[in-house]
Amino acid sequence: DGSVTISLLDNNYNPNSEAYPVVIDVQDLSASKTLTLKPAAGVSTIIKWNRDNGSILKITSSYVIVDGSNTVNGTTRNMVIRNLSQNPSTAIVIGSKGTTPVTNVTIKNCEIDNGKMYSDLTKAGIFAGDGTTYPNPGYFSNINITNNFIYNSGAGIYLNGGTNGTANGNSVTISSNLINQINSIGYTGVYANGVNGL
């Protein structure tokens, strides 16, 4: 009845033995009943797949925490999310379903590799927007992206809350991320459209 932590025990999750993308779609979560995905104590892990035009991790639930540190309240980056494709879309999607916002999602302490450097905005390390059709605008709020190392992508972080004056994205915190733009990020570090409170 309380919060749940999924501890990753293996060092390597690869396309030969896992089903991808990893989809977190749990509809009974709340502020007092969160879901956390993180490495087990002392474990450094890599989640990787050769995913053309797709993502490695898709989050369509609210109150989800992806914490790459293998210690409690840590800041070490012990989890790598890596797209091996030479034609990916994004490594991580934070996506709404319909007009119901996805809220209170945290991505922290991760190393995020989206394959290679692109000049295309939509080849993003982390995307927040629509969870059904990428990269359509979506509904999201209270998103926290902190202390990640993001490289090999078009945009490091791409937030799409709407176009033409529509803003369905709210209250996004982006802090202490290392977004490597030298021979690694081809478009921009952070791109936000239709977002209030960034």
N, C-alpha and C. Protein backbone atom coordinates (compact mmCIF):
# COMPACT_ATOMS: atom_id res chain seq x y z
N ASP A 1 0.81 -1.21 0.00
CA ASP A 1 0.00 0.00 0.00
C ASP A 1 0.85 1.26 0.00
N GLY A 2 2.17 1.15 0.24
CA GLY A 2 3.03 2.32 0.24
C GLY A 2 3.83 2.43 -1.03
N SER A 3 4.91 3.22 -0.98
CA SER A 3 5.77 3.40 -2.14
C SER A 3 6.55 2.12 -2.42
N VAL A 4 6.91 1.94 -3.71
CA VAL A 4 7.59 0.73 -4.16
C VAL A 4 8.88 1.13 -4.87
N THR A 5 9.97 0.41 -4.57
CA THR A 5 11.23 0.58 -5.28
C THR A 5 11.55 -0.69 -6.05
N ILE A 6 11.78 -0.56 -7.35
CA ILE A 6 12.24 -1.67 -8.18
C ILE A 6 13.76 -1.56 -8.26
N SER A 7 14.46 -2.52 -7.68
CA SER A 7 15.92 -2.51 -7.65
C SER A 7 16.48 -3.35 -8.79
N LEU A 8 17.34 -2.74 -9.58
CA LEU A 8 17.98 -3.44 -10.70
C LEU A 8 19.21 -4.17 -10.19
N LEU A 9 19.21 -5.49 -10.32
CA LEU A 9 20.26 -6.32 -9.73
C LEU A 9 21.39 -6.63 -10.70
N ASP A 10 21.12 -6.60 -12.01
CA ASP A 10 22.12 -6.98 -13.01
C ASP A 10 22.92 -5.77 -13.47
N ASN A 11 24.12 -6.05 -13.96
CA ASN A 11 24.95 -4.99 -14.51
C ASN A 11 24.58 -4.63 -15.94
N ASN A 12 23.92 -5.55 -16.63
CA ASN A 12 23.68 -5.36 -18.05
C ASN A 12 22.32 -5.89 -18.45
N TYR A 13 21.45 -5.01 -18.93
CA TYR A 13 20.16 -5.40 -19.49
C TYR A 13 20.24 -5.14 -20.99
N ASN A 14 20.20 -6.22 -21.79
CA ASN A 14 20.50 -6.06 -23.21
C ASN A 14 19.38 -6.60 -24.08
N PRO A 15 19.40 -6.28 -25.39
CA PRO A 15 18.28 -6.63 -26.26
C PRO A 15 18.10 -8.11 -26.51
N ASN A 16 19.07 -8.92 -26.16
CA ASN A 16 18.94 -10.36 -26.39
C ASN A 16 18.12 -11.06 -25.32
N SER A 17 17.93 -10.38 -24.18
CA SER A 17 17.25 -11.06 -23.07
C SER A 17 16.11 -10.25 -22.47
N GLU A 18 15.87 -9.02 -22.95
CA GLU A 18 14.85 -8.17 -22.37
C GLU A 18 13.84 -7.72 -23.42
N ALA A 19 12.65 -7.35 -22.96
CA ALA A 19 11.61 -6.78 -23.84
C ALA A 19 11.66 -5.26 -23.74
N TYR A 20 11.80 -4.61 -24.89
CA TYR A 20 11.89 -3.15 -24.92
C TYR A 20 10.80 -2.58 -25.82
N PRO A 21 10.38 -1.34 -25.63
CA PRO A 21 10.85 -0.45 -24.57
C PRO A 21 10.33 -0.87 -23.20
N VAL A 22 11.01 -0.41 -22.17
CA VAL A 22 10.52 -0.55 -20.80
C VAL A 22 9.42 0.49 -20.61
N VAL A 23 8.21 0.05 -20.30
CA VAL A 23 7.07 0.96 -20.15
C VAL A 23 6.61 0.95 -18.70
N ILE A 24 6.58 2.12 -18.09
CA ILE A 24 6.04 2.27 -16.74
C ILE A 24 4.67 2.90 -16.88
N ASP A 25 3.65 2.09 -16.68
CA ASP A 25 2.26 2.53 -16.85
C ASP A 25 1.44 1.94 -15.70
N VAL A 26 1.56 2.57 -14.54
CA VAL A 26 0.87 2.13 -13.33
C VAL A 26 -0.06 3.26 -12.90
N GLN A 27 -1.34 3.02 -12.91
CA GLN A 27 -2.30 4.12 -12.76
C GLN A 27 -2.76 4.38 -11.33
N ASP A 28 -2.26 3.61 -10.37
CA ASP A 28 -2.73 3.77 -8.99
C ASP A 28 -1.67 4.42 -8.10
N LEU A 29 -0.79 5.22 -8.68
CA LEU A 29 0.25 5.86 -7.90
C LEU A 29 -0.20 7.22 -7.40
N SER A 30 0.47 7.69 -6.34
CA SER A 30 0.09 8.98 -5.74
C SER A 30 1.31 9.54 -5.00
N ALA A 31 1.13 10.69 -4.37
CA ALA A 31 2.22 11.30 -3.62
C ALA A 31 2.69 10.40 -2.48
N SER A 32 1.81 9.60 -1.93
CA SER A 32 2.17 8.69 -0.83
C SER A 32 2.46 7.27 -1.31
N LYS A 33 2.34 7.06 -2.62
CA LYS A 33 2.55 5.71 -3.17
C LYS A 33 3.27 5.86 -4.52
N THR A 34 4.56 6.16 -4.45
CA THR A 34 5.36 6.39 -5.64
C THR A 34 6.02 5.09 -6.11
N LEU A 35 6.53 5.12 -7.33
CA LEU A 35 7.30 4.00 -7.86
C LEU A 35 8.68 4.52 -8.24
N THR A 36 9.73 3.87 -7.70
CA THR A 36 11.11 4.25 -7.98
C THR A 36 11.82 3.12 -8.69
N LEU A 37 12.52 3.44 -9.77
CA LEU A 37 13.38 2.50 -10.49
C LEU A 37 14.82 2.94 -10.28
N LYS A 38 15.65 2.05 -9.71
CA LYS A 38 17.04 2.43 -9.43
C LYS A 38 17.91 1.19 -9.31
N PRO A 39 19.23 1.33 -9.47
CA PRO A 39 20.12 0.18 -9.25
C PRO A 39 20.11 -0.24 -7.78
N ALA A 40 20.31 -1.52 -7.57
CA ALA A 40 20.45 -2.01 -6.20
C ALA A 40 21.75 -1.47 -5.61
N ALA A 41 21.85 -1.55 -4.30
CA ALA A 41 23.04 -1.04 -3.61
C ALA A 41 24.31 -1.66 -4.18
N GLY A 42 25.26 -0.82 -4.57
CA GLY A 42 26.54 -1.29 -5.08
C GLY A 42 26.55 -1.72 -6.52
N VAL A 43 25.40 -1.69 -7.21
CA VAL A 43 25.31 -2.15 -8.59
C VAL A 43 25.39 -0.97 -9.55
N SER A 44 26.20 -1.10 -10.58
CA SER A 44 26.21 -0.17 -11.71
C SER A 44 25.64 -0.90 -12.91
N THR A 45 24.63 -0.33 -13.55
CA THR A 45 23.89 -1.07 -14.56
C THR A 45 23.76 -0.29 -15.85
N ILE A 46 23.64 -1.03 -16.95
CA ILE A 46 23.41 -0.45 -18.28
C ILE A 46 22.13 -1.06 -18.85
N ILE A 47 21.20 -0.19 -19.26
CA ILE A 47 19.99 -0.62 -19.97
C ILE A 47 20.17 -0.18 -21.41
N LYS A 48 20.24 -1.11 -22.34
CA LYS A 48 20.56 -0.73 -23.71
C LYS A 48 19.75 -1.55 -24.71
N TRP A 49 19.55 -0.95 -25.88
CA TRP A 49 18.82 -1.60 -26.97
C TRP A 49 19.09 -0.85 -28.25
N ASN A 50 19.06 -1.58 -29.35
CA ASN A 50 19.15 -0.99 -30.68
C ASN A 50 17.73 -0.68 -31.13
N ARG A 51 17.25 0.53 -30.79
CA ARG A 51 15.83 0.88 -30.94
C ARG A 51 15.67 1.96 -32.00
N ASP A 52 15.42 1.56 -33.26
CA ASP A 52 15.17 2.51 -34.33
C ASP A 52 13.85 3.22 -34.11
N ASN A 53 13.86 4.55 -34.25
CA ASN A 53 12.64 5.37 -34.19
C ASN A 53 11.80 5.07 -32.95
N GLY A 54 12.45 4.82 -31.84
CA GLY A 54 11.71 4.52 -30.62
C GLY A 54 12.53 4.88 -29.39
N SER A 55 11.98 4.55 -28.24
CA SER A 55 12.61 4.90 -26.96
C SER A 55 13.04 3.63 -26.23
N ILE A 56 13.89 3.82 -25.24
CA ILE A 56 14.30 2.72 -24.36
C ILE A 56 13.36 2.63 -23.16
N LEU A 57 13.01 3.79 -22.61
CA LEU A 57 12.16 3.86 -21.42
C LEU A 57 11.02 4.83 -21.67
N LYS A 58 9.79 4.37 -21.46
CA LYS A 58 8.61 5.23 -21.63
C LYS A 58 7.84 5.26 -20.32
N ILE A 59 7.60 6.49 -19.81
CA ILE A 59 6.88 6.68 -18.56
C ILE A 59 5.56 7.37 -18.86
N THR A 60 4.46 6.69 -18.63
CA THR A 60 3.13 7.28 -18.85
C THR A 60 2.34 7.36 -17.54
N SER A 61 3.01 7.10 -16.43
CA SER A 61 2.39 7.20 -15.10
C SER A 61 2.91 8.42 -14.36
N SER A 62 2.09 8.96 -13.51
CA SER A 62 2.53 10.01 -12.60
C SER A 62 3.17 9.39 -11.36
N TYR A 63 3.93 10.21 -10.64
CA TYR A 63 4.58 9.82 -9.39
C TYR A 63 5.59 8.68 -9.60
N VAL A 64 6.44 8.88 -10.61
CA VAL A 64 7.49 7.91 -10.93
C VAL A 64 8.85 8.59 -10.76
N ILE A 65 9.79 7.88 -10.16
CA ILE A 65 11.15 8.37 -9.96
C ILE A 65 12.11 7.39 -10.60
N VAL A 66 12.93 7.88 -11.51
CA VAL A 66 14.03 7.10 -12.07
C VAL A 66 15.31 7.68 -11.48
N ASP A 67 15.94 6.91 -10.60
CA ASP A 67 17.10 7.38 -9.85
C ASP A 67 18.29 6.48 -10.18
N GLY A 68 19.27 7.04 -10.87
CA GLY A 68 20.41 6.25 -11.30
C GLY A 68 21.47 6.00 -10.25
N SER A 69 21.30 6.55 -9.05
CA SER A 69 22.29 6.34 -8.00
C SER A 69 22.03 5.01 -7.28
N ASN A 70 23.12 4.32 -6.96
CA ASN A 70 22.96 3.03 -6.25
C ASN A 70 23.06 3.17 -4.74
N THR A 71 22.94 4.41 -4.24
CA THR A 71 22.89 4.64 -2.81
C THR A 71 21.63 5.41 -2.45
N VAL A 72 21.23 5.35 -1.21
CA VAL A 72 20.05 6.08 -0.74
C VAL A 72 20.36 7.58 -0.70
N ASN A 73 19.53 8.36 -1.34
CA ASN A 73 19.72 9.81 -1.42
C ASN A 73 21.06 10.18 -2.03
N GLY A 74 21.56 9.32 -2.93
CA GLY A 74 22.87 9.55 -3.52
C GLY A 74 22.82 10.47 -4.72
N THR A 75 24.01 10.84 -5.20
CA THR A 75 24.13 11.68 -6.40
C THR A 75 25.05 11.05 -7.44
N THR A 76 25.54 9.83 -7.18
CA THR A 76 26.38 9.15 -8.16
C THR A 76 25.52 8.69 -9.33
N ARG A 77 26.12 8.63 -10.50
CA ARG A 77 25.41 8.16 -11.70
C ARG A 77 25.84 6.72 -11.98
N ASN A 78 25.02 5.78 -11.54
CA ASN A 78 25.34 4.36 -11.66
C ASN A 78 24.43 3.62 -12.63
N MET A 79 23.60 4.36 -13.39
CA MET A 79 22.73 3.72 -14.37
C MET A 79 22.87 4.43 -15.72
N VAL A 80 23.18 3.64 -16.75
CA VAL A 80 23.28 4.15 -18.12
C VAL A 80 22.07 3.66 -18.90
N ILE A 81 21.40 4.59 -19.57
CA ILE A 81 20.31 4.25 -20.49
C ILE A 81 20.81 4.58 -21.89
N ARG A 82 21.03 3.55 -22.69
CA ARG A 82 21.77 3.73 -23.95
C ARG A 82 20.98 3.16 -25.13
N ASN A 83 20.76 4.00 -26.14
CA ASN A 83 20.16 3.55 -27.39
C ASN A 83 21.30 3.26 -28.37
N LEU A 84 21.40 2.01 -28.80
CA LEU A 84 22.47 1.60 -29.69
C LEU A 84 22.17 1.93 -31.15
N SER A 85 20.97 2.38 -31.44
CA SER A 85 20.56 2.63 -32.82
C SER A 85 21.29 3.83 -33.42
N GLN A 86 21.48 3.80 -34.73
CA GLN A 86 21.97 4.96 -35.46
C GLN A 86 20.82 5.81 -35.99
N ASN A 87 19.58 5.39 -35.70
CA ASN A 87 18.41 6.17 -36.10
C ASN A 87 17.35 6.12 -34.99
N PRO A 88 17.67 6.65 -33.80
CA PRO A 88 16.72 6.58 -32.68
C PRO A 88 15.75 7.75 -32.73
N SER A 89 14.77 7.76 -31.82
CA SER A 89 14.01 8.99 -31.59
C SER A 89 14.48 9.59 -30.27
N THR A 90 14.23 8.90 -29.16
CA THR A 90 14.63 9.43 -27.86
C THR A 90 14.92 8.28 -26.91
N ALA A 91 15.77 8.53 -25.94
CA ALA A 91 16.09 7.49 -24.97
C ALA A 91 14.96 7.33 -23.94
N ILE A 92 14.45 8.46 -23.44
CA ILE A 92 13.42 8.43 -22.39
C ILE A 92 12.25 9.31 -22.82
N VAL A 93 11.03 8.77 -22.74
CA VAL A 93 9.80 9.52 -22.98
C VAL A 93 9.03 9.66 -21.68
N ILE A 94 8.66 10.89 -21.34
CA ILE A 94 7.69 11.15 -20.27
C ILE A 94 6.44 11.60 -20.98
N GLY A 95 5.41 10.74 -21.05
CA GLY A 95 4.33 10.99 -21.98
C GLY A 95 2.94 10.91 -21.38
N SER A 96 2.11 11.87 -21.76
CA SER A 96 0.70 11.85 -21.34
C SER A 96 -0.10 10.96 -22.27
N LYS A 97 -1.25 10.52 -21.76
CA LYS A 97 -2.20 9.76 -22.57
C LYS A 97 -3.46 10.59 -22.71
N GLY A 98 -3.76 11.00 -23.92
CA GLY A 98 -4.89 11.90 -24.12
C GLY A 98 -4.59 13.25 -23.49
N THR A 99 -5.60 13.82 -22.84
CA THR A 99 -5.43 15.14 -22.22
C THR A 99 -5.17 15.06 -20.71
N THR A 100 -4.96 13.86 -20.20
CA THR A 100 -4.63 13.70 -18.78
C THR A 100 -3.14 13.93 -18.57
N PRO A 101 -2.76 14.94 -17.80
CA PRO A 101 -1.33 15.24 -17.63
C PRO A 101 -0.59 14.12 -16.90
N VAL A 102 0.64 13.89 -17.29
CA VAL A 102 1.55 13.08 -16.50
C VAL A 102 2.28 14.03 -15.57
N THR A 103 2.27 13.73 -14.26
CA THR A 103 2.76 14.69 -13.27
C THR A 103 3.73 14.02 -12.30
N ASN A 104 4.55 14.86 -11.67
CA ASN A 104 5.43 14.40 -10.59
C ASN A 104 6.32 13.23 -11.02
N VAL A 105 7.05 13.47 -12.09
CA VAL A 105 8.02 12.49 -12.59
C VAL A 105 9.42 13.07 -12.43
N THR A 106 10.32 12.27 -11.89
CA THR A 106 11.70 12.69 -11.68
C THR A 106 12.65 11.76 -12.43
N ILE A 107 13.58 12.35 -13.18
CA ILE A 107 14.69 11.62 -13.79
C ILE A 107 15.96 12.21 -13.21
N LYS A 108 16.72 11.43 -12.45
CA LYS A 108 17.91 11.99 -11.81
C LYS A 108 19.04 10.96 -11.76
N ASN A 109 20.25 11.48 -11.73
CA ASN A 109 21.46 10.68 -11.51
C ASN A 109 21.66 9.59 -12.57
N CYS A 110 21.28 9.90 -13.81
CA CYS A 110 21.42 8.92 -14.89
C CYS A 110 22.42 9.39 -15.94
N GLU A 111 23.01 8.45 -16.63
CA GLU A 111 23.79 8.71 -17.84
C GLU A 111 22.93 8.30 -19.03
N ILE A 112 22.68 9.23 -19.93
CA ILE A 112 21.73 8.99 -21.01
C ILE A 112 22.42 9.19 -22.36
N ASP A 113 22.49 8.12 -23.13
CA ASP A 113 23.19 8.09 -24.41
C ASP A 113 22.18 7.71 -25.49
N ASN A 114 21.90 8.64 -26.42
CA ASN A 114 20.88 8.39 -27.44
C ASN A 114 21.47 8.00 -28.80
N GLY A 115 22.66 7.45 -28.80
CA GLY A 115 23.17 6.84 -30.02
C GLY A 115 24.29 7.59 -30.70
N LYS A 116 23.98 8.81 -31.20
CA LYS A 116 25.01 9.63 -31.82
C LYS A 116 24.51 11.07 -31.94
N MET A 117 25.39 11.96 -32.33
CA MET A 117 25.03 13.36 -32.47
C MET A 117 24.16 13.56 -33.71
N TYR A 118 23.06 14.34 -33.54
CA TYR A 118 22.15 14.66 -34.64
C TYR A 118 21.91 16.16 -34.68
N SER A 119 21.59 16.67 -35.85
CA SER A 119 21.14 18.06 -35.97
C SER A 119 19.63 18.16 -35.88
N ASP A 120 18.95 17.05 -35.62
CA ASP A 120 17.50 16.95 -35.55
C ASP A 120 17.03 17.11 -34.10
N LEU A 121 16.17 18.11 -33.85
CA LEU A 121 15.62 18.34 -32.52
C LEU A 121 14.99 17.10 -31.93
N THR A 122 14.29 16.31 -32.74
CA THR A 122 13.49 15.20 -32.23
C THR A 122 14.32 13.99 -31.81
N LYS A 123 15.60 14.00 -32.08
CA LYS A 123 16.47 12.92 -31.60
C LYS A 123 16.98 13.33 -30.22
N ALA A 124 16.11 13.24 -29.22
CA ALA A 124 16.37 13.83 -27.91
C ALA A 124 16.76 12.78 -26.88
N GLY A 125 17.58 13.21 -25.91
CA GLY A 125 17.91 12.32 -24.81
C GLY A 125 16.70 12.05 -23.93
N ILE A 126 16.01 13.13 -23.51
CA ILE A 126 14.78 13.04 -22.72
C ILE A 126 13.71 13.87 -23.41
N PHE A 127 12.54 13.30 -23.57
CA PHE A 127 11.40 14.00 -24.18
C PHE A 127 10.22 13.98 -23.22
N ALA A 128 9.55 15.14 -23.05
CA ALA A 128 8.27 15.21 -22.35
C ALA A 128 7.23 15.77 -23.31
N GLY A 129 6.13 15.05 -23.46
CA GLY A 129 5.08 15.44 -24.39
C GLY A 129 4.02 14.36 -24.47
N ASP A 130 3.58 14.07 -25.68
CA ASP A 130 2.56 13.05 -25.87
C ASP A 130 3.17 11.65 -25.73
N GLY A 131 2.47 10.78 -25.04
CA GLY A 131 2.99 9.44 -24.81
C GLY A 131 2.59 8.43 -25.85
N THR A 132 1.74 8.84 -26.80
CA THR A 132 1.27 7.92 -27.83
C THR A 132 1.97 8.15 -29.15
N THR A 133 2.04 9.41 -29.58
CA THR A 133 2.64 9.74 -30.88
C THR A 133 3.80 10.69 -30.67
N TYR A 134 4.99 10.20 -30.90
CA TYR A 134 6.19 11.01 -30.76
C TYR A 134 6.46 11.78 -32.05
N PRO A 135 6.83 13.08 -31.98
CA PRO A 135 7.04 13.93 -30.81
C PRO A 135 5.91 14.95 -30.64
N ASN A 136 4.67 14.50 -30.70
CA ASN A 136 3.53 15.42 -30.57
C ASN A 136 3.51 16.09 -29.19
N PRO A 137 2.90 17.28 -29.11
CA PRO A 137 2.78 17.94 -27.81
C PRO A 137 1.87 17.16 -26.86
N GLY A 138 2.17 17.27 -25.58
CA GLY A 138 1.38 16.56 -24.58
C GLY A 138 1.11 17.42 -23.37
N TYR A 139 0.68 16.78 -22.30
CA TYR A 139 0.26 17.44 -21.06
C TYR A 139 1.13 16.92 -19.92
N PHE A 140 1.83 17.82 -19.25
CA PHE A 140 2.71 17.38 -18.16
C PHE A 140 2.94 18.52 -17.18
N SER A 141 3.24 18.15 -15.93
CA SER A 141 3.53 19.15 -14.90
C SER A 141 4.37 18.52 -13.80
N ASN A 142 5.07 19.39 -13.07
CA ASN A 142 5.92 18.95 -11.96
C ASN A 142 6.90 17.86 -12.39
N ILE A 143 7.67 18.19 -13.42
CA ILE A 143 8.70 17.29 -13.93
C ILE A 143 10.05 17.78 -13.43
N ASN A 144 10.84 16.87 -12.89
CA ASN A 144 12.15 17.19 -12.33
C ASN A 144 13.23 16.39 -13.06
N ILE A 145 14.13 17.09 -13.74
CA ILE A 145 15.24 16.45 -14.45
C ILE A 145 16.52 17.02 -13.88
N THR A 146 17.25 16.21 -13.11
CA THR A 146 18.38 16.76 -12.37
C THR A 146 19.57 15.80 -12.31
N ASN A 147 20.76 16.37 -12.40
CA ASN A 147 22.03 15.65 -12.22
C ASN A 147 22.18 14.47 -13.17
N ASN A 148 21.79 14.67 -14.42
CA ASN A 148 22.00 13.64 -15.44
C ASN A 148 23.14 14.05 -16.37
N PHE A 149 23.80 13.07 -16.94
CA PHE A 149 24.79 13.29 -17.99
C PHE A 149 24.15 12.83 -19.29
N ILE A 150 23.90 13.78 -20.21
CA ILE A 150 23.17 13.49 -21.45
C ILE A 150 24.08 13.80 -22.63
N TYR A 151 24.19 12.84 -23.55
CA TYR A 151 25.07 13.05 -24.71
C TYR A 151 24.58 12.20 -25.88
N ASN A 152 25.20 12.42 -27.05
CA ASN A 152 24.85 11.70 -28.28
C ASN A 152 23.37 11.84 -28.61
N SER A 153 22.94 13.05 -28.95
CA SER A 153 21.55 13.27 -29.33
C SER A 153 21.43 14.58 -30.10
N GLY A 154 20.21 14.88 -30.55
CA GLY A 154 19.95 16.16 -31.19
C GLY A 154 19.77 17.23 -30.13
N ALA A 155 18.69 17.12 -29.35
CA ALA A 155 18.50 17.94 -28.16
C ALA A 155 18.77 17.07 -26.93
N GLY A 156 19.41 17.67 -25.94
CA GLY A 156 19.58 16.91 -24.70
C GLY A 156 18.24 16.65 -24.05
N ILE A 157 17.43 17.71 -23.92
CA ILE A 157 16.09 17.63 -23.32
C ILE A 157 15.13 18.39 -24.23
N TYR A 158 14.03 17.76 -24.60
CA TYR A 158 13.02 18.36 -25.48
C TYR A 158 11.68 18.30 -24.77
N LEU A 159 11.11 19.47 -24.47
CA LEU A 159 9.82 19.57 -23.79
C LEU A 159 8.81 20.14 -24.78
N ASN A 160 7.74 19.41 -25.04
CA ASN A 160 6.73 19.86 -26.00
C ASN A 160 5.35 19.86 -25.35
N GLY A 161 4.96 21.05 -24.87
CA GLY A 161 3.65 21.21 -24.25
C GLY A 161 2.64 21.90 -25.13
N GLY A 162 2.99 22.17 -26.39
CA GLY A 162 2.02 22.79 -27.29
C GLY A 162 2.67 23.79 -28.22
N THR A 163 1.92 24.17 -29.24
CA THR A 163 2.39 25.12 -30.23
C THR A 163 1.35 26.22 -30.42
N ASN A 164 1.76 27.28 -31.10
CA ASN A 164 0.85 28.38 -31.45
C ASN A 164 0.13 28.96 -30.23
N GLY A 165 0.89 29.20 -29.18
CA GLY A 165 0.33 29.84 -27.98
C GLY A 165 -0.26 28.89 -26.97
N THR A 166 -0.34 27.60 -27.28
CA THR A 166 -0.86 26.62 -26.34
C THR A 166 0.26 26.17 -25.40
N ALA A 167 -0.03 26.14 -24.11
CA ALA A 167 0.98 25.72 -23.13
C ALA A 167 0.38 24.72 -22.17
N ASN A 168 0.58 23.43 -22.46
CA ASN A 168 0.06 22.37 -21.60
C ASN A 168 1.16 21.73 -20.76
N GLY A 169 2.34 22.33 -20.77
CA GLY A 169 3.41 21.91 -19.89
C GLY A 169 3.59 22.92 -18.78
N ASN A 170 3.74 22.45 -17.54
CA ASN A 170 3.83 23.36 -16.39
C ASN A 170 4.84 22.84 -15.37
N SER A 171 5.54 23.78 -14.74
CA SER A 171 6.38 23.49 -13.57
C SER A 171 7.40 22.39 -13.85
N VAL A 172 8.37 22.73 -14.69
CA VAL A 172 9.46 21.82 -15.01
C VAL A 172 10.75 22.36 -14.40
N THR A 173 11.45 21.51 -13.67
CA THR A 173 12.74 21.87 -13.08
C THR A 173 13.85 21.11 -13.79
N ILE A 174 14.80 21.84 -14.35
CA ILE A 174 15.97 21.25 -14.99
C ILE A 174 17.19 21.83 -14.28
N SER A 175 17.95 20.98 -13.58
CA SER A 175 19.06 21.51 -12.79
C SER A 175 20.22 20.53 -12.72
N SER A 176 21.42 21.09 -12.69
CA SER A 176 22.66 20.34 -12.43
C SER A 176 22.89 19.20 -13.42
N ASN A 177 22.39 19.34 -14.64
CA ASN A 177 22.64 18.33 -15.66
C ASN A 177 23.90 18.68 -16.45
N LEU A 178 24.64 17.68 -16.85
CA LEU A 178 25.76 17.85 -17.75
C LEU A 178 25.31 17.42 -19.14
N ILE A 179 25.12 18.40 -20.01
CA ILE A 179 24.68 18.12 -21.38
C ILE A 179 25.84 18.46 -22.30
N ASN A 180 26.51 17.44 -22.77
CA ASN A 180 27.75 17.61 -23.52
C ASN A 180 27.46 18.04 -24.94
N GLN A 181 27.75 19.30 -25.27
CA GLN A 181 27.43 19.82 -26.59
C GLN A 181 28.62 19.80 -27.54
N ILE A 182 29.78 19.40 -27.10
CA ILE A 182 30.96 19.37 -27.97
C ILE A 182 31.04 18.01 -28.66
N ASN A 183 30.77 18.00 -29.96
CA ASN A 183 30.80 16.76 -30.75
C ASN A 183 29.88 15.69 -30.19
N SER A 184 28.75 16.13 -29.62
CA SER A 184 27.85 15.16 -28.99
C SER A 184 26.39 15.57 -29.10
N ILE A 185 26.07 16.85 -28.88
CA ILE A 185 24.71 17.36 -28.99
C ILE A 185 24.64 18.22 -30.25
N GLY A 186 23.83 17.81 -31.22
CA GLY A 186 23.85 18.46 -32.52
C GLY A 186 22.88 19.60 -32.70
N TYR A 187 21.84 19.70 -31.86
CA TYR A 187 20.82 20.74 -32.04
C TYR A 187 20.88 21.77 -30.92
N THR A 188 20.55 21.36 -29.70
CA THR A 188 20.65 22.27 -28.55
C THR A 188 20.58 21.47 -27.26
N GLY A 189 21.00 22.08 -26.18
CA GLY A 189 20.97 21.39 -24.90
C GLY A 189 19.56 21.16 -24.39
N VAL A 190 18.76 22.25 -24.31
CA VAL A 190 17.37 22.17 -23.83
C VAL A 190 16.49 22.97 -24.79
N TYR A 191 15.40 22.35 -25.23
CA TYR A 191 14.43 23.02 -26.10
C TYR A 191 13.05 22.85 -25.47
N ALA A 192 12.37 23.98 -25.22
CA ALA A 192 11.05 23.93 -24.59
C ALA A 192 10.05 24.69 -25.43
N ASN A 193 8.88 24.10 -25.63
CA ASN A 193 7.80 24.71 -26.38
C ASN A 193 6.49 24.47 -25.63
N GLY A 194 5.74 25.54 -25.36
CA GLY A 194 4.46 25.38 -24.66
C GLY A 194 4.60 24.97 -23.22
N VAL A 195 5.55 25.59 -22.51
CA VAL A 195 5.81 25.23 -21.12
C VAL A 195 5.76 26.49 -20.25
N ASN A 196 4.96 26.46 -19.22
CA ASN A 196 4.94 27.52 -18.20
C ASN A 196 5.71 27.07 -16.98
N GLY A 197 6.48 27.97 -16.40
CA GLY A 197 7.17 27.64 -15.16
C GLY A 197 8.37 26.74 -15.35
N LEU A 198 9.27 27.16 -16.23
CA LEU A 198 10.49 26.40 -16.49
C LEU A 198 11.65 27.09 -15.79
